[in-house]
Protein backbone atom coordinates (compact mmCIF):
# COMPACT_ATOMS: atom_id res chain seq x y z
CA MET A 1 -28.05 14.63 27.34
CA HIS A 2 -24.64 15.69 28.67
CA LEU A 3 -23.95 12.12 29.82
CA ARG A 4 -24.76 10.82 26.34
CA ALA A 5 -22.47 13.40 24.69
CA SER A 6 -19.61 12.51 27.03
CA ARG A 7 -20.07 8.82 26.27
CA ALA A 8 -19.97 9.59 22.55
CA TRP A 9 -16.54 11.19 22.98
CA LEU A 10 -15.06 8.37 25.04
CA PRO A 11 -14.31 6.04 22.05
CA TRP A 12 -12.58 8.84 20.14
CA LEU A 13 -10.60 9.75 23.24
CA SER A 14 -9.48 6.12 23.34
CA VAL A 15 -8.46 6.35 19.68
CA GLY A 16 -6.43 9.48 20.43
CA LEU A 17 -4.68 7.75 23.34
CA LEU A 18 -4.00 4.71 21.17
CA ALA A 19 -2.60 6.97 18.42
CA PHE A 20 -0.25 8.61 20.95
CA LEU A 21 0.94 5.22 22.19
CA CYS A 22 1.45 4.05 18.60
CA ALA A 23 3.47 7.20 17.88
CA CYS A 24 5.69 6.52 20.90
CA LEU A 25 6.11 2.92 19.79
CA GLY A 26 6.96 4.15 16.28
CA VAL A 27 9.70 6.44 17.63
CA LEU A 28 11.20 3.63 19.71
CA GLN A 29 10.98 1.25 16.80
CA TYR A 30 12.72 3.79 14.56
CA ARG A 31 15.62 4.01 17.01
CA TRP A 32 15.82 0.26 17.47
CA THR A 33 15.66 -0.28 13.73
CA GLY A 34 18.55 2.19 13.29
CA GLU A 35 20.65 0.27 15.80
CA ILE A 36 19.81 -3.03 14.15
CA ALA A 37 20.62 -1.53 10.73
CA ALA A 38 24.03 -0.32 11.94
CA ALA A 39 24.80 -3.76 13.40
CA GLU A 40 23.66 -5.44 10.19
CA ARG A 41 25.84 -3.10 8.12
CA ASP A 42 28.90 -3.96 10.24
CA ARG A 43 28.12 -7.67 9.98
CA LEU A 44 27.76 -7.54 6.20
CA GLN A 45 30.98 -5.52 5.87
CA ASP A 46 32.93 -7.96 8.04
CA GLU A 47 31.54 -10.89 6.08
CA LEU A 48 32.41 -9.21 2.78
CA GLN A 49 35.93 -8.42 3.96
CA SER A 50 36.44 -12.05 5.02
CA ARG A 51 35.26 -13.27 1.65
CA LEU A 52 37.60 -10.86 -0.14
CA PHE A 53 40.53 -12.04 2.00
CA ALA A 54 39.72 -15.67 1.20
CA CYS A 55 39.41 -14.87 -2.49
CA SER A 56 42.70 -12.95 -2.54
CA ARG A 57 44.49 -15.69 -0.61
CA ALA A 58 43.22 -18.39 -2.99
CA PHE A 59 44.15 -16.40 -6.08
CA ASN A 60 47.62 -15.50 -4.80
CA GLU A 61 48.30 -19.05 -3.68
CA SER A 62 47.16 -20.42 -7.03
CA VAL A 63 49.65 -18.19 -8.90
CA SER A 64 52.43 -18.69 -6.35
CA SER A 65 52.14 -22.47 -6.26
CA ALA A 66 52.21 -22.61 -10.05
CA LEU A 67 55.39 -20.50 -10.16
CA ARG A 68 57.02 -22.54 -7.36
CA SER A 69 56.56 -25.69 -9.39
CA LEU A 70 58.29 -24.10 -12.41
CA ALA A 71 61.82 -24.32 -10.95
CA PRO A 72 63.64 -27.69 -11.18
CA SER A 73 64.89 -29.37 -8.03
CA ARG A 74 68.56 -29.42 -7.01
CA ARG A 75 68.75 -33.11 -7.85
CA GLN A 76 67.55 -32.43 -11.42
CA VAL A 77 70.12 -29.67 -11.82
CA GLU A 78 72.90 -31.95 -10.57
CA GLN A 79 71.87 -34.81 -12.87
CA LEU A 80 71.04 -32.91 -16.10
CA GLY A 81 72.78 -29.60 -15.75
CA ALA A 82 71.11 -26.25 -15.19
CA GLU A 83 69.86 -25.47 -18.69
CA ALA A 84 68.66 -29.01 -19.48
CA ALA A 85 66.97 -29.30 -16.08
CA TRP A 86 65.11 -26.01 -16.61
CA SER A 87 63.99 -27.02 -20.10
CA ALA A 88 62.76 -30.47 -19.02
CA GLN A 89 60.96 -29.12 -15.95
CA TYR A 90 59.25 -26.38 -17.96
CA LEU A 91 57.90 -28.86 -20.55
CA ARG A 92 56.32 -30.89 -17.73
CA TRP A 93 55.05 -27.70 -16.09
CA LYS A 94 53.59 -26.39 -19.36
CA ALA A 95 51.01 -29.19 -19.56
CA ALA A 96 49.31 -27.92 -16.38
CA HIS A 97 50.07 -24.20 -16.37
CA GLY A 98 50.98 -23.33 -19.92
CA HIS A 99 48.58 -20.32 -20.15
CA LEU A 100 49.85 -18.57 -17.04
CA LEU A 101 53.00 -16.94 -18.45
CA GLU A 102 53.53 -14.28 -21.06
CA ARG A 103 57.36 -14.37 -20.71
CA ALA A 104 59.94 -16.13 -18.50
CA GLY A 105 63.69 -16.02 -18.07
CA ILE A 106 66.59 -16.61 -15.69
CA GLU A 107 69.23 -14.09 -14.71
CA ASN A 108 72.79 -14.93 -13.67
CA LEU A 109 72.41 -18.66 -14.35
CA GLY A 110 75.96 -20.02 -14.40
CA GLY A 111 77.34 -16.50 -14.67
CA THR A 112 75.31 -15.65 -17.79
CA ALA A 113 73.58 -12.26 -17.65
CA TYR A 114 70.06 -13.29 -18.77
CA LEU A 115 68.60 -16.36 -20.46
CA ASN A 116 65.14 -16.18 -22.01
CA LEU A 117 62.92 -19.25 -21.67
CA ASP A 118 61.13 -20.04 -24.93
CA LEU A 119 57.54 -20.80 -23.96
CA GLU A 120 57.02 -23.12 -26.92
CA SER A 121 60.18 -25.29 -26.92
CA GLY A 122 61.46 -24.74 -23.40
CA GLN A 123 64.91 -23.79 -24.68
CA LEU A 124 67.02 -21.14 -22.99
CA THR A 125 68.60 -18.47 -25.16
CA GLN A 126 70.69 -15.48 -24.16
CA GLN A 127 68.89 -12.18 -24.66
CA ALA A 128 68.83 -8.66 -23.33
CA ARG A 129 67.24 -8.31 -19.93
CA PRO A 130 63.55 -7.21 -20.32
CA ASP A 131 61.92 -4.27 -18.56
CA THR A 132 60.62 -5.37 -15.16
CA ARG A 133 58.49 -2.33 -14.39
CA ASP A 134 55.37 -4.01 -15.76
CA PRO A 135 52.89 -4.73 -12.90
CA ALA A 136 52.59 -8.37 -14.03
CA THR A 137 56.39 -8.96 -14.00
CA PHE A 138 58.00 -10.55 -10.95
CA GLU A 139 61.63 -11.15 -9.90
CA LEU A 140 61.77 -14.28 -7.80
CA PRO A 141 65.13 -15.10 -6.08
CA LEU A 142 66.51 -18.63 -6.44
CA THR A 143 68.71 -20.41 -3.93
CA GLY A 144 72.25 -21.21 -4.90
CA PRO A 145 75.77 -19.82 -4.80
CA ASP A 146 75.16 -17.38 -7.66
CA ARG A 147 71.88 -16.00 -6.32
CA GLU A 148 69.98 -16.37 -9.59
CA LEU A 149 66.70 -14.60 -10.29
CA LEU A 150 63.67 -15.99 -12.08
CA LEU A 151 61.94 -13.28 -14.11
CA VAL A 152 58.33 -14.04 -15.08
CA GLN A 153 55.68 -11.94 -16.74
CA LEU A 154 52.18 -13.24 -16.11
CA ASP A 155 49.61 -13.42 -18.90
CA VAL A 156 47.18 -10.71 -17.75
CA ASN A 157 44.54 -11.76 -20.27
CA TYR A 158 44.53 -15.32 -18.84
CA LEU A 159 44.30 -13.99 -15.30
CA ARG A 160 41.47 -11.63 -16.26
CA THR A 161 39.39 -14.05 -18.34
CA THR A 162 39.97 -17.39 -16.65
CA LEU A 163 41.70 -17.61 -13.29
CA LEU A 164 40.21 -14.51 -11.66
CA PRO A 165 36.56 -15.22 -12.67
CA GLU A 166 36.86 -18.83 -11.46
CA THR A 167 38.19 -17.70 -8.09
CA LEU A 168 35.56 -14.98 -7.71
CA ASN A 169 32.78 -17.40 -8.62
CA THR A 170 33.98 -19.74 -5.87
CA TYR A 171 34.30 -17.20 -3.07
CA MET A 172 32.01 -14.30 -4.00
CA ALA A 173 28.91 -15.93 -5.51
CA TYR A 174 26.06 -17.45 -3.52
CA SER A 175 23.90 -19.90 -5.49
CA GLY A 176 25.54 -18.70 -8.68
CA ARG A 177 24.22 -15.16 -8.30
CA PRO A 178 26.77 -12.74 -6.84
CA ASP A 179 25.43 -9.96 -4.65
CA TYR A 180 28.42 -7.73 -5.32
CA ASP A 181 30.03 -6.06 -8.30
CA ILE A 182 33.79 -6.55 -8.50
CA GLN A 183 36.59 -4.38 -9.84
CA VAL A 184 40.30 -5.14 -9.97
CA LEU A 185 42.59 -2.12 -10.32
CA THR A 186 46.31 -1.71 -10.71
CA ASP A 187 48.05 -0.47 -7.58
CA SER A 188 49.36 2.62 -9.36
CA ASP A 189 48.61 6.31 -9.48
CA PRO A 190 46.31 6.77 -11.28
CA PRO A 191 44.90 3.22 -11.12
CA THR A 192 43.92 1.31 -14.26
CA LEU A 193 40.90 -0.95 -14.54
CA VAL A 194 42.05 -4.55 -15.00
CA TYR A 195 38.80 -6.48 -14.49
CA ALA A 196 35.11 -5.81 -13.84
CA SER A 197 32.45 -8.40 -13.12
CA TYR A 198 29.72 -6.46 -14.90
CA ALA A 199 29.35 -5.49 -18.55
CA ASN A 200 30.23 -2.10 -20.02
CA ALA A 201 32.41 -1.07 -17.10
CA ARG A 202 33.79 2.42 -17.64
CA GLU A 203 34.15 4.24 -14.34
CA ILE A 204 36.70 3.46 -11.67
CA TRP A 205 35.10 3.48 -8.23
CA GLN A 206 36.23 6.14 -5.82
CA THR A 207 34.71 4.25 -2.90
CA ALA A 208 33.89 0.60 -2.33
CA ASP A 209 32.31 -1.42 0.46
CA ALA A 210 35.52 -3.38 1.00
CA SER A 211 38.87 -3.98 -0.69
CA THR A 212 42.01 -6.06 -0.35
CA PRO A 213 45.40 -6.26 -2.14
CA LEU A 214 45.71 -8.83 -4.91
CA LEU A 215 48.48 -10.50 -6.95
CA ASP A 216 50.95 -10.97 -4.12
CA VAL A 217 53.29 -13.66 -5.47
CA ARG A 218 55.49 -15.48 -2.92
CA ALA A 219 58.34 -17.81 -3.56
CA ASP A 220 57.79 -19.89 -0.42
CA GLY A 221 54.64 -21.75 0.49
CA PRO A 222 52.18 -21.01 3.29
CA SER A 223 54.17 -23.22 5.67
CA GLY A 224 57.33 -21.19 5.14
CA ARG A 225 59.35 -24.06 3.60
CA MET A 226 61.92 -23.02 1.01
CA GLY A 227 62.76 -24.91 -2.15
CA ARG A 228 64.56 -23.45 -5.12
CA PHE A 229 63.15 -20.03 -4.18
CA ASP A 230 64.29 -17.70 -1.48
CA ARG A 231 62.18 -15.03 0.20
CA GLY A 232 64.36 -12.13 -0.72
CA PRO A 233 63.75 -8.63 0.59
CA HIS A 234 60.25 -7.19 0.49
CA ARG A 235 59.18 -3.59 0.26
CA PRO A 236 56.21 -3.00 2.62
CA PRO A 237 53.53 -1.30 0.53
CA PRO A 238 51.14 1.33 1.90
CA TYR A 239 47.96 -0.73 2.37
CA GLY A 240 44.85 1.29 2.89
CA LYS A 241 41.39 0.12 3.74
CA GLY A 242 41.17 -3.63 3.73
CA GLY A 243 44.24 -4.45 5.84
CA PRO A 244 47.48 -6.16 4.82
CA PRO A 245 47.57 -8.73 2.02
CA PRO A 246 47.18 -12.38 2.99
CA PHE A 247 50.85 -13.23 2.25
CA GLY A 248 52.59 -10.10 3.37
CA GLY A 249 54.44 -9.45 0.08
CA PRO A 250 54.16 -6.60 -2.41
CA SER A 251 50.81 -6.64 -4.21
CA ARG A 252 50.36 -5.32 -7.72
CA TRP A 253 46.56 -5.11 -7.94
CA ARG A 254 43.69 -4.25 -5.61
CA LEU A 255 40.39 -6.16 -5.40
CA LEU A 256 37.31 -4.01 -4.67
CA ALA A 257 33.71 -5.05 -4.03
CA ARG A 258 30.54 -2.97 -3.96
CA HIS A 259 26.98 -4.17 -3.44
CA LYS A 260 24.75 -4.18 -6.52
CA SER A 261 22.37 -1.73 -4.86
CA GLY A 262 25.15 0.88 -4.88
CA SER A 263 26.69 0.24 -1.50
CA LEU A 264 26.09 -1.61 1.74
CA GLU A 265 24.92 1.69 3.20
CA ALA A 266 22.27 1.95 0.48
CA LEU A 267 21.25 -1.70 0.97
CA VAL A 268 20.89 -1.33 4.74
CA ALA A 269 19.11 2.04 4.38
CA ARG A 270 16.67 0.55 1.88
CA THR A 271 16.01 -2.41 4.16
CA GLN A 272 15.54 -0.04 7.09
CA ARG A 273 13.07 2.09 5.10
CA ARG A 274 11.20 -1.04 4.06
CA ASN A 275 10.99 -2.28 7.66
CA LEU A 276 9.87 1.15 8.86
CA ALA A 277 7.23 1.31 6.11
CA VAL A 278 5.91 -2.11 7.10
CA SER A 279 5.87 -1.14 10.78
CA ALA A 280 4.14 2.17 10.03
CA GLY A 281 1.63 0.32 7.87
CA VAL A 282 0.87 -2.10 10.70
CA LEU A 283 0.43 0.74 13.19
CA LEU A 284 -1.80 2.66 10.79
CA LEU A 285 -3.78 -0.50 10.12
CA ILE A 286 -4.32 -0.93 13.86
CA LEU A 287 -5.47 2.68 14.20
CA GLY A 288 -7.65 2.41 11.13
CA THR A 289 -9.20 -0.82 12.38
CA VAL A 290 -9.98 0.71 15.76
CA ALA A 291 -11.45 3.83 14.12
CA MET A 292 -13.56 1.68 11.77
CA LEU A 293 -14.78 -0.46 14.67
CA ILE A 294 -15.79 2.64 16.60
CA ARG A 295 -17.49 4.11 13.56
CA TYR A 296 -19.36 0.90 12.81
CA SER A 297 -20.33 0.48 16.46
CA ARG A 298 -21.69 4.04 16.51
CA GLN A 299 -23.57 3.38 13.28
CA ALA A 300 -24.96 0.18 14.79
CA GLN A 301 -25.94 2.11 17.90
CA ARG A 302 -27.62 4.80 15.79
CA LEU A 303 -29.38 2.11 13.74
CA ALA A 304 -30.57 0.45 16.93
CA GLU A 305 -31.96 3.78 18.14
CA GLN A 306 -33.69 4.29 14.78
CA GLN A 307 -35.14 0.80 14.99
CA MET A 308 -36.47 1.54 18.47
CA ASN A 309 -37.96 4.77 17.17
CA PHE A 310 -39.43 2.78 14.28
CA VAL A 311 -41.02 0.30 16.67
CA THR A 312 -42.42 3.17 18.72
CA GLY A 313 -43.68 4.96 15.62
CA VAL A 314 -45.25 1.85 14.13
CA SER A 315 -46.90 1.05 17.46
CA HIS A 316 -48.37 4.54 17.53
CA GLU A 317 -49.40 4.34 13.87
CA LEU A 318 -51.12 1.01 14.49
CA ARG A 319 -52.80 2.16 17.68
CA THR A 320 -54.53 5.12 16.03
CA PRO A 321 -56.44 3.26 13.25
CA LEU A 322 -57.15 0.34 15.57
CA THR A 323 -58.67 2.71 18.10
CA VAL A 324 -60.79 4.37 15.41
CA ILE A 325 -61.94 0.98 14.06
CA ARG A 326 -62.78 -0.26 17.53
CA THR A 327 -64.71 2.90 18.33
CA ALA A 328 -66.61 2.74 15.03
CA ALA A 329 -67.42 -0.94 15.56
CA TYR A 330 -68.65 -0.20 19.08
CA ASN A 331 -70.89 2.57 17.82
CA LEU A 332 -72.26 0.36 15.06
CA SER A 333 -73.14 -2.30 17.61
CA SER A 334 -74.96 0.24 19.77
CA PRO A 335 -78.79 0.14 19.50
CA LYS A 336 -78.76 3.93 19.25
CA PHE A 337 -77.14 3.86 15.75
CA ARG A 338 -78.47 0.58 14.36
CA ARG A 339 -81.32 2.18 12.45
CA ASP A 340 -79.51 5.38 11.51
CA ASP A 341 -78.36 4.80 7.93
CA ALA A 342 -76.29 7.98 7.87
CA HIS A 343 -74.27 6.93 10.91
CA ILE A 344 -73.89 3.39 9.59
CA GLU A 345 -72.54 4.73 6.30
CA ARG A 346 -70.24 7.16 8.09
CA TYR A 347 -68.75 4.55 10.40
CA GLY A 348 -68.46 2.06 7.56
CA LYS A 349 -66.40 4.51 5.52
CA MET A 350 -64.33 5.27 8.60
CA ILE A 351 -63.59 1.60 9.12
CA GLU A 352 -62.77 1.20 5.44
CA ALA A 353 -60.37 4.16 5.46
CA GLU A 354 -58.59 3.13 8.65
CA SER A 355 -58.38 -0.46 7.45
CA GLY A 356 -56.75 0.82 4.26
CA LYS A 357 -54.20 2.68 6.36
CA LEU A 358 -53.45 -0.49 8.32
CA GLU A 359 -53.17 -2.50 5.13
CA GLY A 360 -50.76 0.03 3.60
CA MET A 361 -48.66 0.13 6.74
CA VAL A 362 -48.45 -3.65 7.00
CA ASP A 363 -47.69 -3.90 3.29
CA GLN A 364 -44.88 -1.34 3.71
CA VAL A 365 -43.31 -3.26 6.59
CA LEU A 366 -43.58 -6.56 4.72
CA ARG A 367 -42.04 -4.97 1.63
CA PHE A 368 -39.14 -3.67 3.69
CA ALA A 369 -38.56 -7.10 5.23
CA SER A 370 -38.69 -8.68 1.76
CA ALA A 371 -36.28 -6.07 0.34
CA SER A 372 -33.88 -6.63 3.24
CA ALA A 373 -33.89 -10.32 2.34
CA GLY A 374 -33.00 -9.48 -1.29
CA HIS A 375 -36.52 -9.78 -2.76
CA ALA A 376 -37.44 -6.19 -3.48
CA VAL A 377 -39.36 -7.22 -6.62
CA ARG A 378 -41.17 -10.39 -7.46
CA GLY A 379 -42.42 -11.31 -10.91
CA LEU A 380 -41.65 -8.85 -13.72
CA GLU A 381 -44.20 -8.13 -16.43
CA PRO A 382 -44.73 -5.43 -19.08
CA VAL A 383 -46.28 -2.41 -17.35
CA SER A 384 -47.58 0.82 -18.86
CA VAL A 385 -46.16 3.59 -16.73
CA ALA A 386 -48.81 6.06 -17.87
CA ALA A 387 -51.65 3.74 -16.90
CA LEU A 388 -50.03 2.94 -13.55
CA LEU A 389 -49.64 6.64 -12.71
CA GLU A 390 -53.21 7.45 -13.74
CA THR A 391 -54.55 4.63 -11.58
CA GLU A 392 -52.55 5.61 -8.53
CA LEU A 393 -53.45 9.30 -8.85
CA ALA A 394 -57.12 8.32 -9.08
CA ASN A 395 -56.78 6.22 -5.90
CA MET A 396 -55.26 9.18 -4.06
CA HIS A 397 -57.63 11.76 -5.51
CA GLU A 398 -59.71 11.95 -2.34
CA ALA A 399 -56.61 12.37 -0.09
CA ILE A 400 -55.30 15.12 -2.36
CA GLU A 401 -58.59 17.02 -2.42
CA SER A 402 -59.13 16.67 1.31
CA ARG A 403 -55.89 18.56 1.90
CA GLY A 404 -56.78 21.29 -0.55
CA VAL A 405 -53.76 20.55 -2.73
CA ILE A 406 -53.62 21.57 -6.39
CA LEU A 407 -52.23 18.77 -8.53
CA ASP A 408 -50.14 19.76 -11.56
CA GLU A 409 -50.31 16.59 -13.65
CA ARG A 410 -48.35 16.30 -16.88
CA ILE A 411 -48.03 12.73 -18.08
CA ASP A 412 -46.72 12.00 -21.57
CA PRO A 413 -49.06 9.45 -23.17
CA ALA A 414 -46.11 8.09 -25.17
CA LEU A 415 -44.31 6.79 -22.07
CA PRO A 416 -42.50 3.51 -22.85
CA VAL A 417 -43.53 0.19 -21.39
CA VAL A 418 -41.23 -1.10 -18.64
CA MET A 419 -40.62 -4.55 -17.19
CA ALA A 420 -41.71 -4.17 -13.58
CA ASP A 421 -43.38 -5.59 -10.52
CA THR A 422 -46.63 -3.66 -10.63
CA GLY A 423 -47.27 -3.75 -6.88
CA ALA A 424 -43.72 -2.68 -5.98
CA LEU A 425 -43.64 0.15 -8.54
CA ARG A 426 -47.05 1.38 -7.40
CA LEU A 427 -45.84 1.36 -3.78
CA ALA A 428 -42.77 3.43 -4.74
CA PHE A 429 -44.88 6.03 -6.52
CA ARG A 430 -47.44 6.12 -3.67
CA ASN A 431 -44.65 6.70 -1.12
CA LEU A 432 -43.39 9.72 -3.07
CA LEU A 433 -46.93 11.18 -3.20
CA ASP A 434 -47.47 10.49 0.50
CA ASN A 435 -44.21 12.29 1.33
CA ALA A 436 -45.20 15.25 -0.81
CA LEU A 437 -48.59 15.46 0.95
CA LYS A 438 -47.05 15.08 4.44
CA TYR A 439 -44.01 17.34 4.19
CA GLY A 440 -44.22 19.34 0.96
CA VAL A 441 -47.47 21.31 1.08
CA GLY A 442 -46.32 24.92 1.24
CA GLU A 443 -48.17 28.19 0.88
CA THR A 444 -48.95 27.53 -2.77
CA ARG A 445 -50.32 24.09 -1.84
CA ARG A 446 -49.22 22.69 -5.16
CA ILE A 447 -47.77 19.28 -6.08
CA GLY A 448 -46.45 18.42 -9.51
CA VAL A 449 -46.42 14.96 -11.10
CA HIS A 450 -44.56 14.94 -14.42
CA ALA A 451 -43.68 11.95 -16.56
CA ARG A 452 -41.93 11.81 -19.91
CA ALA A 453 -40.01 9.53 -22.22
CA MET A 454 -36.28 10.18 -22.51
CA GLN A 455 -33.08 8.77 -23.96
CA THR A 456 -30.13 7.84 -21.74
CA ALA A 457 -26.70 6.44 -22.51
CA HIS A 458 -28.18 2.95 -22.08
CA GLY A 459 -31.30 3.47 -24.19
CA ALA A 460 -34.91 4.62 -23.76
CA ALA A 461 -36.29 5.20 -20.27
CA ALA A 462 -39.35 6.54 -18.45
CA GLU A 463 -38.76 9.53 -16.17
CA ILE A 464 -41.20 10.31 -13.35
CA CYS A 465 -40.83 13.47 -11.28
CA VAL A 466 -42.78 14.27 -8.09
CA ALA A 467 -42.21 17.87 -6.95
CA ASP A 468 -43.66 19.75 -3.97
CA SER A 469 -43.64 23.34 -2.76
CA GLY A 470 -42.61 22.69 0.82
CA PRO A 471 -39.69 24.07 2.89
CA GLY A 472 -37.17 21.66 1.35
CA ILE A 473 -34.68 19.26 2.89
CA PRO A 474 -31.63 20.61 4.80
CA PRO A 475 -28.36 19.92 2.95
CA ASP A 476 -26.93 17.90 5.86
CA GLU A 477 -29.89 15.50 5.69
CA GLN A 478 -30.04 14.98 1.94
CA GLY A 479 -27.37 12.27 2.03
CA ARG A 480 -29.35 10.23 4.59
CA ILE A 481 -32.95 10.54 3.48
CA PHE A 482 -32.81 7.17 1.70
CA ASP A 483 -31.52 5.35 4.81
CA ALA A 484 -33.89 2.97 6.53
CA PHE A 485 -35.63 4.37 9.65
CA PHE A 486 -34.27 7.87 9.05
CA ARG A 487 -36.60 10.75 9.80
CA GLY A 488 -35.65 14.39 9.45
CA ARG A 489 -35.56 16.89 12.27
CA ARG A 490 -38.59 18.77 10.93
CA ALA A 491 -40.71 15.62 10.83
CA VAL A 492 -39.78 14.80 14.41
CA LEU A 493 -40.40 18.35 15.69
CA ASP A 494 -43.73 18.67 13.85
CA GLN A 495 -44.73 15.18 15.09
CA VAL A 496 -45.58 14.03 11.58
CA HIS A 497 -46.41 10.35 11.75
CA GLY A 498 -44.30 7.97 9.70
CA THR A 499 -42.11 4.87 9.82
CA GLY A 500 -38.97 6.16 8.06
CA LEU A 501 -39.18 3.38 5.48
CA GLY A 502 -40.86 5.14 2.55
CA LEU A 503 -37.88 6.66 0.71
CA ASN A 504 -35.69 3.65 1.49
CA LEU A 505 -38.26 1.42 -0.20
CA VAL A 506 -38.45 3.82 -3.16
CA LYS A 507 -34.69 3.62 -3.71
CA THR A 508 -34.57 -0.16 -3.20
CA ILE A 509 -37.48 -0.86 -5.56
CA VAL A 510 -36.30 1.49 -8.32
CA GLU A 511 -32.73 0.16 -8.25
CA ALA A 512 -34.07 -3.41 -8.30
CA HIS A 513 -35.72 -2.47 -11.62
CA GLY A 514 -32.38 -1.25 -12.97
CA GLY A 515 -33.30 2.41 -12.51
CA SER A 516 -32.14 5.32 -10.39
CA VAL A 517 -33.66 7.90 -8.07
CA SER A 518 -32.32 11.37 -7.30
CA VAL A 519 -33.39 14.34 -5.20
CA GLU A 520 -33.08 18.08 -5.67
CA SER A 521 -33.98 20.41 -2.85
CA GLY A 522 -33.26 23.95 -1.79
CA ALA A 523 -34.13 26.04 1.23
CA SER A 524 -37.78 27.19 0.93
CA SER A 525 -37.89 26.11 -2.72
CA GLY A 526 -39.47 22.69 -2.47
CA THR A 527 -38.20 19.22 -3.16
CA SER A 528 -38.19 17.23 -6.37
CA PHE A 529 -37.72 13.44 -6.59
CA THR A 530 -36.91 12.00 -10.00
CA ILE A 531 -37.18 8.32 -10.93
CA ARG A 532 -35.75 6.86 -14.13
CA ILE A 533 -36.63 3.30 -15.16
CA PRO A 534 -35.25 1.70 -18.36
CA ALA A 535 -37.79 0.79 -21.03
CA ALA A 536 -38.53 -2.84 -21.83
CA GLU A 537 -36.71 -4.43 -24.75
CA PRO A 538 -38.84 -4.32 -27.92
CA LEU A 539 -40.27 -7.68 -28.96
């Protein structure tokens, strides 16, 4: 017994050990996932910063190259004169870049203080020098003896609606669907929102995943060659996060990017949580699978033990009537009893009774095998429940009287007709009566059989109740009494013969007829089984 108990605990000890190992693996995986998440965050941030640098470089170079091509060459100035050369060059330049400028002019050209360039006609007219404090206004030095300056004010609306979106779409969008929201701010205190890639932008971000300076206009090209423009002095600006601008000159705007999930930190954290959830789910699935396998194996083991007990019980049940029949047949064949009519009649009845027991037992086993194969009922026909109960009670009248049991019979004659397999339904009712006679005969020695018509949510039904006055069924066994091969502790201790198939067949047969069976039992208050079978449809 102790060896069997220890073996029963071994599988659950294995589950506990497996759970501990899975917990250790989960902790290690959590740490490794954190390290991978940190590395992934750094990789994404580096990639984003590189893309921002490339975007800023392309945008700045696009503006710078356009402005470099605005100035006429020295040869043009020598051939046409300064003002005519500027006018002719601008008209050619306007065809390609006409939307880029809001205002343009030249200072100190030929000793004149300031000449404004008319953006429609290309003519130069003397005007007052404009305010150059606007963030989109640039002073670009020109080469020459008089050190002229080109003053240009960029068209911010064109930059915001055309040039900047085109550049961002090239460098910041993958498959046409950008992963990041973009803001462009003025490099002032406080900053002003110039551009946002998403609709209804109101707030200015306090933090971003990455940023870089923007709108750094240079007079010379990337190779350092100088044309009409000179570098001129540069004021090194205080660059913050994002490093120096791609061209090294003073930037006017700042380009910021933030992931659509809120930040790269949020994206990586969400991915980490998702990976951890998947890993935890896999580990729990492994534990659950092992626990289910152990449970099912124990159930299979218990079922195998019940089947062995069933075989032993059936063998014993068969041996008893066979022994009685054999003894009675031997006595009948003896010359001593051949002419004794009383003994012949006695042994004949004995053989008949024991043969009936064998027939019932074989029929029960065959019914169980048929129900297990999905054929609990055979042909259905209209059956009068009242007549069936009366017939079966009459057949068991002798068994009831021989035990000294008082039968409380109350059968409503108006019971509805049901569609049923007569043999199967009779077997179910007989099993309930047999159980009541075996286990439910208490001090009052009373059994009740009540039947009535009733209405359910699905229509009319016949209700049959078989109640006894026995000691009742323990609460811990009530959930298993309808299991095949199950026999209660009291039946085993009292050595009450049985196969453990009766109540299982009752449940299977009643449910195959579309009905239900329930049990009510209390300590020392008897047990009541109730069957409900739906009435047949009226013709």
